[in-house]
Amino acid sequence: MKIEKVDRRVKYTKLFLKESLVELMREHPISKISVKMLCEAADINRSTFYAHYTDQYDLLKQLELEVIVELEKHITKDAFSQKTAQTILSMNQILDYISKNADIFKILLSENGNSTFQKEIMILAQEKIISDILNNPDIDERTSAYLQCFVVTGALSMVQKWLHDDMIESTEKMSEFASKILYNGVSAFYS
């Protein structure tokens, strides 16, 4: 029973540190945040911090890794190879996860966030989503690579704008919007 309490305390300590990091990153890039600042914000001592992380960059990396792992859980194999009900469901799940963790995503995708995280998100999208969509034997490899970059950066920018606008549109509306663009291009919005 005592082990459970320790695990719970560790869990809460890590949660407070992550929340403190996100709060501090609203105002400062990670390079301007010290371990001392994090400990003061989370109301813990430095030895507790160092029991879990080597420095502020390690804490940020762990947070980013958790986000990537959670995003991967919502991407099923071949869900995006063609537009189906499963495609919209997968997009809804991804956007629901982003919406529920909007504070984290706003920071991680902002100028105060780590550009490596944005690249990892783009790689994940290219490997797990976009390559399925653009897997067309009529498109040569170089053209496919350009199309993937275009689609992924556009989708990431769309999510950033949606977050910046406080997610006025529902996840369902955003999923449908993204789906139209992915499968029909911009021309889907013109009569």
N, C-alpha and C. Protein backbone atom coordinates (compact mmCIF):
# COMPACT_ATOMS: atom_id res chain seq x y z
N MET A 1 0.82 -1.19 0.00
CA MET A 1 0.00 0.00 0.00
C MET A 1 0.87 1.26 0.00
N LYS A 2 1.95 1.23 0.72
CA LYS A 2 2.85 2.37 0.77
C LYS A 2 3.43 2.66 -0.61
N ILE A 3 3.71 1.62 -1.38
CA ILE A 3 4.25 1.80 -2.74
C ILE A 3 3.27 2.62 -3.58
N GLU A 4 1.98 2.36 -3.44
CA GLU A 4 0.97 3.09 -4.19
C GLU A 4 1.03 4.58 -3.88
N LYS A 5 1.20 4.93 -2.57
CA LYS A 5 1.29 6.33 -2.18
C LYS A 5 2.51 6.99 -2.80
N VAL A 6 3.64 6.30 -2.79
CA VAL A 6 4.85 6.86 -3.40
C VAL A 6 4.63 7.08 -4.88
N ASP A 7 4.04 6.08 -5.55
CA ASP A 7 3.77 6.22 -6.98
C ASP A 7 2.85 7.40 -7.25
N ARG A 8 1.85 7.57 -6.42
CA ARG A 8 0.92 8.67 -6.59
C ARG A 8 1.62 10.01 -6.37
N ARG A 9 2.47 10.08 -5.37
CA ARG A 9 3.21 11.32 -5.12
C ARG A 9 4.15 11.65 -6.28
N VAL A 10 4.81 10.64 -6.79
CA VAL A 10 5.70 10.84 -7.94
C VAL A 10 4.89 11.33 -9.14
N LYS A 11 3.75 10.71 -9.35
CA LYS A 11 2.87 11.09 -10.45
C LYS A 11 2.46 12.55 -10.32
N TYR A 12 2.03 12.96 -9.11
CA TYR A 12 1.61 14.34 -8.90
C TYR A 12 2.77 15.32 -9.02
N THR A 13 3.92 14.94 -8.54
CA THR A 13 5.10 15.80 -8.66
C THR A 13 5.42 16.05 -10.13
N LYS A 14 5.43 14.98 -10.91
CA LYS A 14 5.71 15.13 -12.34
C LYS A 14 4.64 15.96 -13.03
N LEU A 15 3.40 15.77 -12.64
CA LEU A 15 2.30 16.55 -13.20
C LEU A 15 2.48 18.03 -12.89
N PHE A 16 2.80 18.36 -11.63
CA PHE A 16 3.01 19.76 -11.25
C PHE A 16 4.18 20.36 -12.01
N LEU A 17 5.23 19.59 -12.19
CA LEU A 17 6.39 20.10 -12.93
C LEU A 17 6.03 20.37 -14.39
N LYS A 18 5.27 19.47 -15.00
CA LYS A 18 4.87 19.67 -16.40
C LYS A 18 3.96 20.88 -16.53
N GLU A 19 3.02 21.01 -15.61
CA GLU A 19 2.13 22.18 -15.63
C GLU A 19 2.92 23.46 -15.42
N SER A 20 3.89 23.42 -14.54
CA SER A 20 4.72 24.60 -14.29
C SER A 20 5.55 24.95 -15.52
N LEU A 21 6.06 23.93 -16.18
CA LEU A 21 6.83 24.16 -17.40
C LEU A 21 5.95 24.83 -18.46
N VAL A 22 4.76 24.30 -18.67
CA VAL A 22 3.85 24.88 -19.67
C VAL A 22 3.54 26.33 -19.31
N GLU A 23 3.27 26.58 -18.04
CA GLU A 23 2.96 27.95 -17.59
C GLU A 23 4.14 28.89 -17.84
N LEU A 24 5.34 28.45 -17.51
CA LEU A 24 6.52 29.29 -17.72
C LEU A 24 6.81 29.51 -19.21
N MET A 25 6.51 28.50 -20.01
CA MET A 25 6.78 28.62 -21.45
C MET A 25 5.79 29.55 -22.16
N ARG A 26 4.73 29.95 -21.48
CA ARG A 26 3.83 30.95 -22.05
C ARG A 26 4.58 32.28 -22.23
N GLU A 27 5.54 32.51 -21.34
CA GLU A 27 6.27 33.78 -21.33
C GLU A 27 7.72 33.67 -21.80
N HIS A 28 8.30 32.46 -21.68
CA HIS A 28 9.74 32.31 -21.94
C HIS A 28 10.02 31.09 -22.81
N PRO A 29 11.03 31.19 -23.66
CA PRO A 29 11.48 29.97 -24.35
C PRO A 29 12.19 29.09 -23.34
N ILE A 30 12.32 27.82 -23.66
CA ILE A 30 12.93 26.86 -22.74
C ILE A 30 14.34 27.29 -22.34
N SER A 31 15.05 27.95 -23.22
CA SER A 31 16.43 28.38 -22.92
C SER A 31 16.48 29.43 -21.81
N LYS A 32 15.37 30.08 -21.54
CA LYS A 32 15.32 31.12 -20.49
C LYS A 32 14.69 30.61 -19.20
N ILE A 33 14.33 29.33 -19.17
CA ILE A 33 13.72 28.74 -17.98
C ILE A 33 14.76 27.92 -17.25
N SER A 34 14.92 28.20 -15.97
CA SER A 34 15.90 27.46 -15.16
C SER A 34 15.20 26.41 -14.30
N VAL A 35 15.98 25.49 -13.79
CA VAL A 35 15.46 24.50 -12.86
C VAL A 35 14.93 25.21 -11.61
N LYS A 36 15.61 26.24 -11.18
CA LYS A 36 15.18 27.01 -10.02
C LYS A 36 13.78 27.59 -10.25
N MET A 37 13.55 28.16 -11.44
CA MET A 37 12.24 28.72 -11.78
C MET A 37 11.17 27.64 -11.75
N LEU A 38 11.48 26.48 -12.30
CA LEU A 38 10.53 25.36 -12.32
C LEU A 38 10.19 24.90 -10.90
N CYS A 39 11.21 24.77 -10.07
CA CYS A 39 11.00 24.32 -8.69
C CYS A 39 10.15 25.32 -7.90
N GLU A 40 10.41 26.60 -8.11
CA GLU A 40 9.61 27.61 -7.42
C GLU A 40 8.16 27.57 -7.90
N ALA A 41 7.97 27.45 -9.19
CA ALA A 41 6.61 27.42 -9.74
C ALA A 41 5.84 26.18 -9.29
N ALA A 42 6.53 25.04 -9.19
CA ALA A 42 5.88 23.78 -8.77
C ALA A 42 5.88 23.59 -7.26
N ASP A 43 6.57 24.49 -6.56
CA ASP A 43 6.68 24.44 -5.11
C ASP A 43 7.29 23.11 -4.63
N ILE A 44 8.41 22.78 -5.26
CA ILE A 44 9.18 21.60 -4.85
C ILE A 44 10.64 22.00 -4.70
N ASN A 45 11.43 21.16 -4.07
CA ASN A 45 12.85 21.48 -3.95
C ASN A 45 13.62 20.87 -5.12
N ARG A 46 14.83 21.36 -5.29
CA ARG A 46 15.65 20.95 -6.43
C ARG A 46 15.99 19.46 -6.41
N SER A 47 16.22 18.92 -5.23
CA SER A 47 16.56 17.49 -5.16
C SER A 47 15.39 16.63 -5.66
N THR A 48 14.17 17.07 -5.41
CA THR A 48 13.00 16.35 -5.92
C THR A 48 12.98 16.43 -7.44
N PHE A 49 13.25 17.62 -7.97
CA PHE A 49 13.30 17.77 -9.43
C PHE A 49 14.34 16.82 -10.02
N TYR A 50 15.54 16.84 -9.47
CA TYR A 50 16.63 16.03 -10.01
C TYR A 50 16.43 14.52 -9.80
N ALA A 51 15.51 14.16 -8.94
CA ALA A 51 15.19 12.74 -8.78
C ALA A 51 14.43 12.22 -10.00
N HIS A 52 13.86 13.13 -10.77
CA HIS A 52 13.04 12.74 -11.92
C HIS A 52 13.60 13.18 -13.28
N TYR A 53 14.31 14.30 -13.30
CA TYR A 53 14.80 14.87 -14.57
C TYR A 53 16.22 15.39 -14.40
N THR A 54 16.97 15.38 -15.49
CA THR A 54 18.34 15.89 -15.43
C THR A 54 18.39 17.40 -15.50
N ASP A 55 17.46 18.01 -16.26
CA ASP A 55 17.39 19.47 -16.38
C ASP A 55 16.05 19.84 -17.02
N GLN A 56 15.85 21.12 -17.29
CA GLN A 56 14.59 21.58 -17.87
C GLN A 56 14.37 21.02 -19.28
N TYR A 57 15.43 20.77 -20.00
CA TYR A 57 15.32 20.21 -21.36
C TYR A 57 14.84 18.75 -21.31
N ASP A 58 15.30 18.02 -20.30
CA ASP A 58 14.86 16.65 -20.12
C ASP A 58 13.36 16.61 -19.80
N LEU A 59 12.91 17.51 -18.94
CA LEU A 59 11.48 17.61 -18.62
C LEU A 59 10.67 17.91 -19.88
N LEU A 60 11.12 18.86 -20.67
CA LEU A 60 10.42 19.20 -21.92
C LEU A 60 10.41 18.01 -22.87
N LYS A 61 11.53 17.32 -22.99
CA LYS A 61 11.61 16.16 -23.89
C LYS A 61 10.65 15.06 -23.44
N GLN A 62 10.55 14.83 -22.14
CA GLN A 62 9.62 13.81 -21.63
C GLN A 62 8.17 14.19 -21.93
N LEU A 63 7.85 15.46 -21.77
CA LEU A 63 6.51 15.94 -22.09
C LEU A 63 6.21 15.75 -23.58
N GLU A 64 7.15 16.11 -24.42
CA GLU A 64 6.98 15.94 -25.87
C GLU A 64 6.81 14.47 -26.25
N LEU A 65 7.61 13.62 -25.63
CA LEU A 65 7.53 12.18 -25.91
C LEU A 65 6.16 11.62 -25.53
N GLU A 66 5.64 12.03 -24.38
CA GLU A 66 4.31 11.59 -23.97
C GLU A 66 3.24 12.00 -24.99
N VAL A 67 3.36 13.21 -25.51
CA VAL A 67 2.40 13.71 -26.50
C VAL A 67 2.49 12.88 -27.78
N ILE A 68 3.70 12.62 -28.25
CA ILE A 68 3.90 11.84 -29.48
C ILE A 68 3.31 10.43 -29.30
N VAL A 69 3.59 9.79 -28.18
CA VAL A 69 3.08 8.44 -27.91
C VAL A 69 1.56 8.45 -27.91
N GLU A 70 0.95 9.44 -27.28
CA GLU A 70 -0.51 9.53 -27.25
C GLU A 70 -1.08 9.77 -28.64
N LEU A 71 -0.44 10.61 -29.42
CA LEU A 71 -0.91 10.84 -30.80
C LEU A 71 -0.85 9.56 -31.62
N GLU A 72 0.23 8.81 -31.47
CA GLU A 72 0.38 7.56 -32.22
C GLU A 72 -0.74 6.57 -31.89
N LYS A 73 -1.24 6.60 -30.67
CA LYS A 73 -2.33 5.69 -30.27
C LYS A 73 -3.60 5.94 -31.08
N HIS A 74 -3.76 7.15 -31.58
CA HIS A 74 -4.97 7.51 -32.32
C HIS A 74 -4.85 7.31 -33.82
N ILE A 75 -3.70 6.84 -34.25
CA ILE A 75 -3.48 6.64 -35.68
C ILE A 75 -3.48 5.14 -35.96
N THR A 76 -4.50 4.67 -36.63
CA THR A 76 -4.58 3.26 -36.97
C THR A 76 -4.04 3.03 -38.37
N LYS A 77 -3.53 1.84 -38.59
CA LYS A 77 -2.94 1.49 -39.88
C LYS A 77 -3.98 1.63 -40.99
N ASP A 78 -3.58 2.27 -42.05
CA ASP A 78 -4.39 2.46 -43.25
C ASP A 78 -5.66 3.28 -43.04
N ALA A 79 -5.79 3.96 -41.90
CA ALA A 79 -6.99 4.76 -41.64
C ALA A 79 -7.10 5.93 -42.61
N PHE A 80 -5.97 6.34 -43.18
CA PHE A 80 -5.97 7.52 -44.03
C PHE A 80 -5.71 7.20 -45.50
N SER A 81 -5.65 5.92 -45.85
CA SER A 81 -5.33 5.57 -47.24
C SER A 81 -6.42 6.02 -48.20
N GLN A 82 -7.64 6.10 -47.72
CA GLN A 82 -8.73 6.67 -48.51
C GLN A 82 -9.76 7.23 -47.55
N LYS A 83 -10.57 8.15 -48.06
CA LYS A 83 -11.55 8.80 -47.19
C LYS A 83 -12.68 7.82 -46.85
N THR A 84 -12.77 7.49 -45.55
CA THR A 84 -13.82 6.60 -45.05
C THR A 84 -14.33 7.16 -43.72
N ALA A 85 -15.30 6.50 -43.16
CA ALA A 85 -15.80 6.88 -41.83
C ALA A 85 -14.68 6.74 -40.80
N GLN A 86 -13.81 5.73 -40.97
CA GLN A 86 -12.68 5.52 -40.07
C GLN A 86 -11.70 6.70 -40.13
N THR A 87 -11.53 7.28 -41.32
CA THR A 87 -10.64 8.43 -41.48
C THR A 87 -11.13 9.59 -40.62
N ILE A 88 -12.42 9.90 -40.74
CA ILE A 88 -12.98 11.01 -39.97
C ILE A 88 -12.92 10.70 -38.48
N LEU A 89 -13.20 9.45 -38.10
CA LEU A 89 -13.13 9.05 -36.69
C LEU A 89 -11.70 9.24 -36.16
N SER A 90 -10.70 8.81 -36.92
CA SER A 90 -9.31 8.97 -36.49
C SER A 90 -8.94 10.45 -36.37
N MET A 91 -9.36 11.25 -37.34
CA MET A 91 -9.09 12.69 -37.26
C MET A 91 -9.76 13.30 -36.04
N ASN A 92 -11.02 12.90 -35.78
CA ASN A 92 -11.72 13.40 -34.60
C ASN A 92 -10.98 13.04 -33.32
N GLN A 93 -10.48 11.80 -33.24
CA GLN A 93 -9.76 11.37 -32.04
C GLN A 93 -8.48 12.18 -31.84
N ILE A 94 -7.77 12.43 -32.92
CA ILE A 94 -6.54 13.22 -32.84
C ILE A 94 -6.87 14.64 -32.39
N LEU A 95 -7.87 15.25 -33.03
CA LEU A 95 -8.24 16.63 -32.68
C LEU A 95 -8.85 16.71 -31.28
N ASP A 96 -9.58 15.69 -30.86
CA ASP A 96 -10.10 15.66 -29.48
C ASP A 96 -8.96 15.63 -28.48
N TYR A 97 -7.94 14.81 -28.77
CA TYR A 97 -6.77 14.76 -27.88
C TYR A 97 -6.07 16.12 -27.83
N ILE A 98 -5.91 16.74 -28.99
CA ILE A 98 -5.28 18.07 -29.03
C ILE A 98 -6.13 19.07 -28.26
N SER A 99 -7.44 19.02 -28.45
CA SER A 99 -8.34 19.94 -27.76
C SER A 99 -8.28 19.77 -26.24
N LYS A 100 -8.28 18.53 -25.78
CA LYS A 100 -8.22 18.27 -24.34
C LYS A 100 -6.90 18.70 -23.73
N ASN A 101 -5.88 18.79 -24.55
CA ASN A 101 -4.54 19.19 -24.09
C ASN A 101 -4.11 20.47 -24.78
N ALA A 102 -5.06 21.35 -25.00
CA ALA A 102 -4.80 22.57 -25.77
C ALA A 102 -3.69 23.42 -25.18
N ASP A 103 -3.64 23.55 -23.85
CA ASP A 103 -2.59 24.37 -23.24
C ASP A 103 -1.20 23.85 -23.60
N ILE A 104 -1.06 22.54 -23.55
CA ILE A 104 0.24 21.93 -23.88
C ILE A 104 0.56 22.14 -25.36
N PHE A 105 -0.42 21.88 -26.23
CA PHE A 105 -0.17 22.02 -27.66
C PHE A 105 0.09 23.47 -28.07
N LYS A 106 -0.62 24.41 -27.45
CA LYS A 106 -0.38 25.82 -27.76
C LYS A 106 1.07 26.18 -27.49
N ILE A 107 1.60 25.67 -26.40
CA ILE A 107 3.00 25.97 -26.03
C ILE A 107 3.97 25.21 -26.92
N LEU A 108 3.75 23.90 -27.07
CA LEU A 108 4.69 23.08 -27.83
C LEU A 108 4.75 23.48 -29.31
N LEU A 109 3.66 24.02 -29.83
CA LEU A 109 3.64 24.43 -31.24
C LEU A 109 3.88 25.93 -31.42
N SER A 110 4.21 26.63 -30.33
CA SER A 110 4.46 28.07 -30.41
C SER A 110 5.94 28.35 -30.66
N GLU A 111 6.25 29.63 -30.80
CA GLU A 111 7.65 30.02 -30.99
C GLU A 111 8.49 29.74 -29.75
N ASN A 112 7.85 29.61 -28.58
CA ASN A 112 8.58 29.25 -27.36
C ASN A 112 8.81 27.75 -27.24
N GLY A 113 8.14 26.99 -28.09
CA GLY A 113 8.30 25.54 -28.09
C GLY A 113 9.59 25.12 -28.77
N ASN A 114 9.84 23.85 -28.74
CA ASN A 114 11.05 23.28 -29.32
C ASN A 114 10.77 22.93 -30.79
N SER A 115 11.55 23.47 -31.69
CA SER A 115 11.31 23.21 -33.12
C SER A 115 11.49 21.73 -33.45
N THR A 116 12.26 21.01 -32.66
CA THR A 116 12.43 19.58 -32.87
C THR A 116 11.11 18.85 -32.69
N PHE A 117 10.30 19.28 -31.74
CA PHE A 117 9.00 18.67 -31.51
C PHE A 117 8.12 18.83 -32.75
N GLN A 118 8.12 20.01 -33.32
CA GLN A 118 7.32 20.24 -34.52
C GLN A 118 7.79 19.34 -35.66
N LYS A 119 9.08 19.16 -35.77
CA LYS A 119 9.61 18.26 -36.80
C LYS A 119 9.19 16.81 -36.54
N GLU A 120 9.19 16.41 -35.27
CA GLU A 120 8.78 15.05 -34.92
C GLU A 120 7.30 14.83 -35.24
N ILE A 121 6.47 15.84 -35.01
CA ILE A 121 5.05 15.76 -35.36
C ILE A 121 4.91 15.62 -36.87
N MET A 122 5.69 16.39 -37.61
CA MET A 122 5.64 16.33 -39.07
C MET A 122 6.09 14.97 -39.59
N ILE A 123 7.13 14.43 -39.00
CA ILE A 123 7.62 13.10 -39.40
C ILE A 123 6.56 12.04 -39.09
N LEU A 124 5.96 12.12 -37.91
CA LEU A 124 4.89 11.18 -37.54
C LEU A 124 3.75 11.26 -38.55
N ALA A 125 3.33 12.46 -38.88
CA ALA A 125 2.24 12.63 -39.85
C ALA A 125 2.63 12.08 -41.22
N GLN A 126 3.86 12.34 -41.65
CA GLN A 126 4.29 11.83 -42.96
C GLN A 126 4.35 10.31 -42.97
N GLU A 127 4.93 9.73 -41.92
CA GLU A 127 5.09 8.28 -41.89
C GLU A 127 3.78 7.54 -41.71
N LYS A 128 2.90 8.06 -40.87
CA LYS A 128 1.70 7.31 -40.48
C LYS A 128 0.44 7.73 -41.22
N ILE A 129 0.40 8.93 -41.77
CA ILE A 129 -0.84 9.41 -42.37
C ILE A 129 -0.67 9.76 -43.84
N ILE A 130 0.16 10.73 -44.11
CA ILE A 130 0.24 11.31 -45.45
C ILE A 130 0.78 10.33 -46.48
N SER A 131 1.73 9.50 -46.11
CA SER A 131 2.28 8.55 -47.08
C SER A 131 1.20 7.60 -47.58
N ASP A 132 0.23 7.25 -46.71
CA ASP A 132 -0.89 6.41 -47.14
C ASP A 132 -1.74 7.12 -48.20
N ILE A 133 -2.00 8.40 -47.96
CA ILE A 133 -2.85 9.17 -48.87
C ILE A 133 -2.18 9.33 -50.23
N LEU A 134 -0.90 9.60 -50.20
CA LEU A 134 -0.19 9.90 -51.45
C LEU A 134 0.51 8.69 -52.04
N ASN A 135 0.13 7.50 -51.60
CA ASN A 135 0.72 6.27 -52.12
C ASN A 135 0.04 5.91 -53.45
N ASN A 136 0.44 6.62 -54.46
CA ASN A 136 -0.17 6.49 -55.78
C ASN A 136 0.93 6.15 -56.77
N PRO A 137 0.79 5.06 -57.50
CA PRO A 137 1.85 4.67 -58.44
C PRO A 137 2.06 5.67 -59.57
N ASP A 138 1.10 6.56 -59.80
CA ASP A 138 1.23 7.57 -60.85
C ASP A 138 2.06 8.77 -60.42
N ILE A 139 2.36 8.86 -59.12
CA ILE A 139 3.14 9.99 -58.59
C ILE A 139 4.55 9.52 -58.30
N ASP A 140 5.54 10.19 -58.90
CA ASP A 140 6.92 9.79 -58.66
C ASP A 140 7.33 10.17 -57.23
N GLU A 141 8.42 9.57 -56.78
CA GLU A 141 8.86 9.70 -55.39
C GLU A 141 9.14 11.15 -54.99
N ARG A 142 9.80 11.90 -55.86
CA ARG A 142 10.13 13.30 -55.53
C ARG A 142 8.87 14.15 -55.44
N THR A 143 7.95 13.95 -56.36
CA THR A 143 6.69 14.70 -56.32
C THR A 143 5.93 14.35 -55.05
N SER A 144 5.90 13.08 -54.70
CA SER A 144 5.22 12.63 -53.48
C SER A 144 5.85 13.30 -52.25
N ALA A 145 7.17 13.41 -52.23
CA ALA A 145 7.85 14.04 -51.09
C ALA A 145 7.44 15.51 -50.96
N TYR A 146 7.35 16.21 -52.10
CA TYR A 146 6.92 17.61 -52.06
C TYR A 146 5.46 17.72 -51.60
N LEU A 147 4.62 16.85 -52.10
CA LEU A 147 3.22 16.87 -51.70
C LEU A 147 3.07 16.59 -50.20
N GLN A 148 3.85 15.64 -49.69
CA GLN A 148 3.80 15.32 -48.27
C GLN A 148 4.19 16.52 -47.43
N CYS A 149 5.26 17.20 -47.82
CA CYS A 149 5.69 18.40 -47.07
C CYS A 149 4.60 19.47 -47.08
N PHE A 150 4.01 19.67 -48.25
CA PHE A 150 2.95 20.67 -48.40
C PHE A 150 1.76 20.34 -47.50
N VAL A 151 1.31 19.11 -47.55
CA VAL A 151 0.13 18.70 -46.77
C VAL A 151 0.42 18.75 -45.27
N VAL A 152 1.57 18.24 -44.85
CA VAL A 152 1.88 18.19 -43.42
C VAL A 152 2.04 19.58 -42.84
N THR A 153 2.78 20.45 -43.50
CA THR A 153 2.95 21.81 -42.96
C THR A 153 1.63 22.56 -42.97
N GLY A 154 0.81 22.33 -43.98
CA GLY A 154 -0.52 22.95 -44.01
C GLY A 154 -1.39 22.47 -42.87
N ALA A 155 -1.39 21.17 -42.62
CA ALA A 155 -2.21 20.60 -41.54
C ALA A 155 -1.72 21.11 -40.18
N LEU A 156 -0.41 21.17 -39.99
CA LEU A 156 0.14 21.66 -38.74
C LEU A 156 -0.22 23.14 -38.54
N SER A 157 -0.12 23.92 -39.60
CA SER A 157 -0.50 25.34 -39.51
C SER A 157 -1.98 25.50 -39.21
N MET A 158 -2.80 24.63 -39.79
CA MET A 158 -4.23 24.67 -39.54
C MET A 158 -4.51 24.39 -38.06
N VAL A 159 -3.84 23.42 -37.48
CA VAL A 159 -4.02 23.10 -36.06
C VAL A 159 -3.55 24.27 -35.20
N GLN A 160 -2.42 24.87 -35.55
CA GLN A 160 -1.93 26.02 -34.80
C GLN A 160 -2.94 27.16 -34.82
N LYS A 161 -3.52 27.44 -35.98
CA LYS A 161 -4.52 28.50 -36.11
C LYS A 161 -5.76 28.16 -35.29
N TRP A 162 -6.20 26.92 -35.37
CA TRP A 162 -7.37 26.47 -34.61
C TRP A 162 -7.14 26.66 -33.11
N LEU A 163 -5.96 26.29 -32.63
CA LEU A 163 -5.62 26.47 -31.22
C LEU A 163 -5.56 27.96 -30.87
N HIS A 164 -4.92 28.74 -31.73
CA HIS A 164 -4.78 30.18 -31.50
C HIS A 164 -6.15 30.85 -31.40
N ASP A 165 -7.11 30.38 -32.20
CA ASP A 165 -8.47 30.94 -32.21
C ASP A 165 -9.35 30.32 -31.12
N ASP A 166 -8.74 29.62 -30.17
CA ASP A 166 -9.43 28.98 -29.06
C ASP A 166 -10.45 27.93 -29.49
N MET A 167 -10.15 27.24 -30.57
CA MET A 167 -10.90 26.08 -31.04
C MET A 167 -12.40 26.37 -31.16
N ILE A 168 -12.72 27.46 -31.84
CA ILE A 168 -14.11 27.85 -32.05
C ILE A 168 -14.87 26.75 -32.80
N GLU A 169 -14.24 26.21 -33.83
CA GLU A 169 -14.87 25.12 -34.59
C GLU A 169 -14.75 23.81 -33.82
N SER A 170 -15.75 22.97 -33.97
CA SER A 170 -15.72 21.66 -33.31
C SER A 170 -14.66 20.77 -33.96
N THR A 171 -14.29 19.72 -33.24
CA THR A 171 -13.32 18.78 -33.82
C THR A 171 -13.91 18.11 -35.05
N GLU A 172 -15.21 17.86 -35.03
CA GLU A 172 -15.87 17.24 -36.18
C GLU A 172 -15.78 18.14 -37.41
N LYS A 173 -16.04 19.44 -37.21
CA LYS A 173 -15.97 20.39 -38.33
C LYS A 173 -14.53 20.48 -38.86
N MET A 174 -13.57 20.51 -37.96
CA MET A 174 -12.16 20.58 -38.38
C MET A 174 -11.74 19.30 -39.10
N SER A 175 -12.23 18.16 -38.64
CA SER A 175 -11.92 16.88 -39.30
C SER A 175 -12.47 16.87 -40.72
N GLU A 176 -13.70 17.32 -40.86
CA GLU A 176 -14.33 17.36 -42.19
C GLU A 176 -13.58 18.34 -43.09
N PHE A 177 -13.20 19.47 -42.55
CA PHE A 177 -12.44 20.48 -43.28
C PHE A 177 -11.11 19.91 -43.77
N ALA A 178 -10.37 19.28 -42.85
CA ALA A 178 -9.07 18.70 -43.20
C ALA A 178 -9.24 17.58 -44.22
N SER A 179 -10.26 16.78 -44.04
CA SER A 179 -10.53 15.68 -44.97
C SER A 179 -10.80 16.19 -46.38
N LYS A 180 -11.60 17.24 -46.49
CA LYS A 180 -11.88 17.83 -47.81
C LYS A 180 -10.58 18.27 -48.49
N ILE A 181 -9.74 18.95 -47.74
CA ILE A 181 -8.49 19.44 -48.31
C ILE A 181 -7.58 18.28 -48.70
N LEU A 182 -7.45 17.28 -47.81
CA LEU A 182 -6.57 16.14 -48.08
C LEU A 182 -6.99 15.35 -49.31
N TYR A 183 -8.28 15.15 -49.46
CA TYR A 183 -8.75 14.25 -50.52
C TYR A 183 -9.25 14.96 -51.77
N ASN A 184 -9.59 16.25 -51.64
CA ASN A 184 -10.13 16.96 -52.80
C ASN A 184 -9.41 18.26 -53.11
N GLY A 185 -8.52 18.70 -52.25
CA GLY A 185 -7.80 19.94 -52.48
C GLY A 185 -8.67 21.15 -52.19
N VAL A 186 -8.12 22.30 -52.42
CA VAL A 186 -8.80 23.56 -52.16
C VAL A 186 -10.03 23.72 -53.04
N SER A 187 -10.02 23.09 -54.21
CA SER A 187 -11.15 23.22 -55.13
C SER A 187 -12.46 22.68 -54.53
N ALA A 188 -12.38 21.86 -53.48
CA ALA A 188 -13.59 21.34 -52.83
C ALA A 188 -14.42 22.45 -52.19
N PHE A 189 -13.82 23.62 -51.99
CA PHE A 189 -14.52 24.72 -51.35
C PHE A 189 -15.11 25.72 -52.35
N TYR A 190 -14.91 25.49 -53.63
CA TYR A 190 -15.45 26.37 -54.66
C TYR A 190 -16.58 25.66 -55.37
N SER A 191 -17.60 26.43 -55.76
CA SER A 191 -18.73 25.80 -56.47
C SER A 191 -18.42 25.59 -57.92
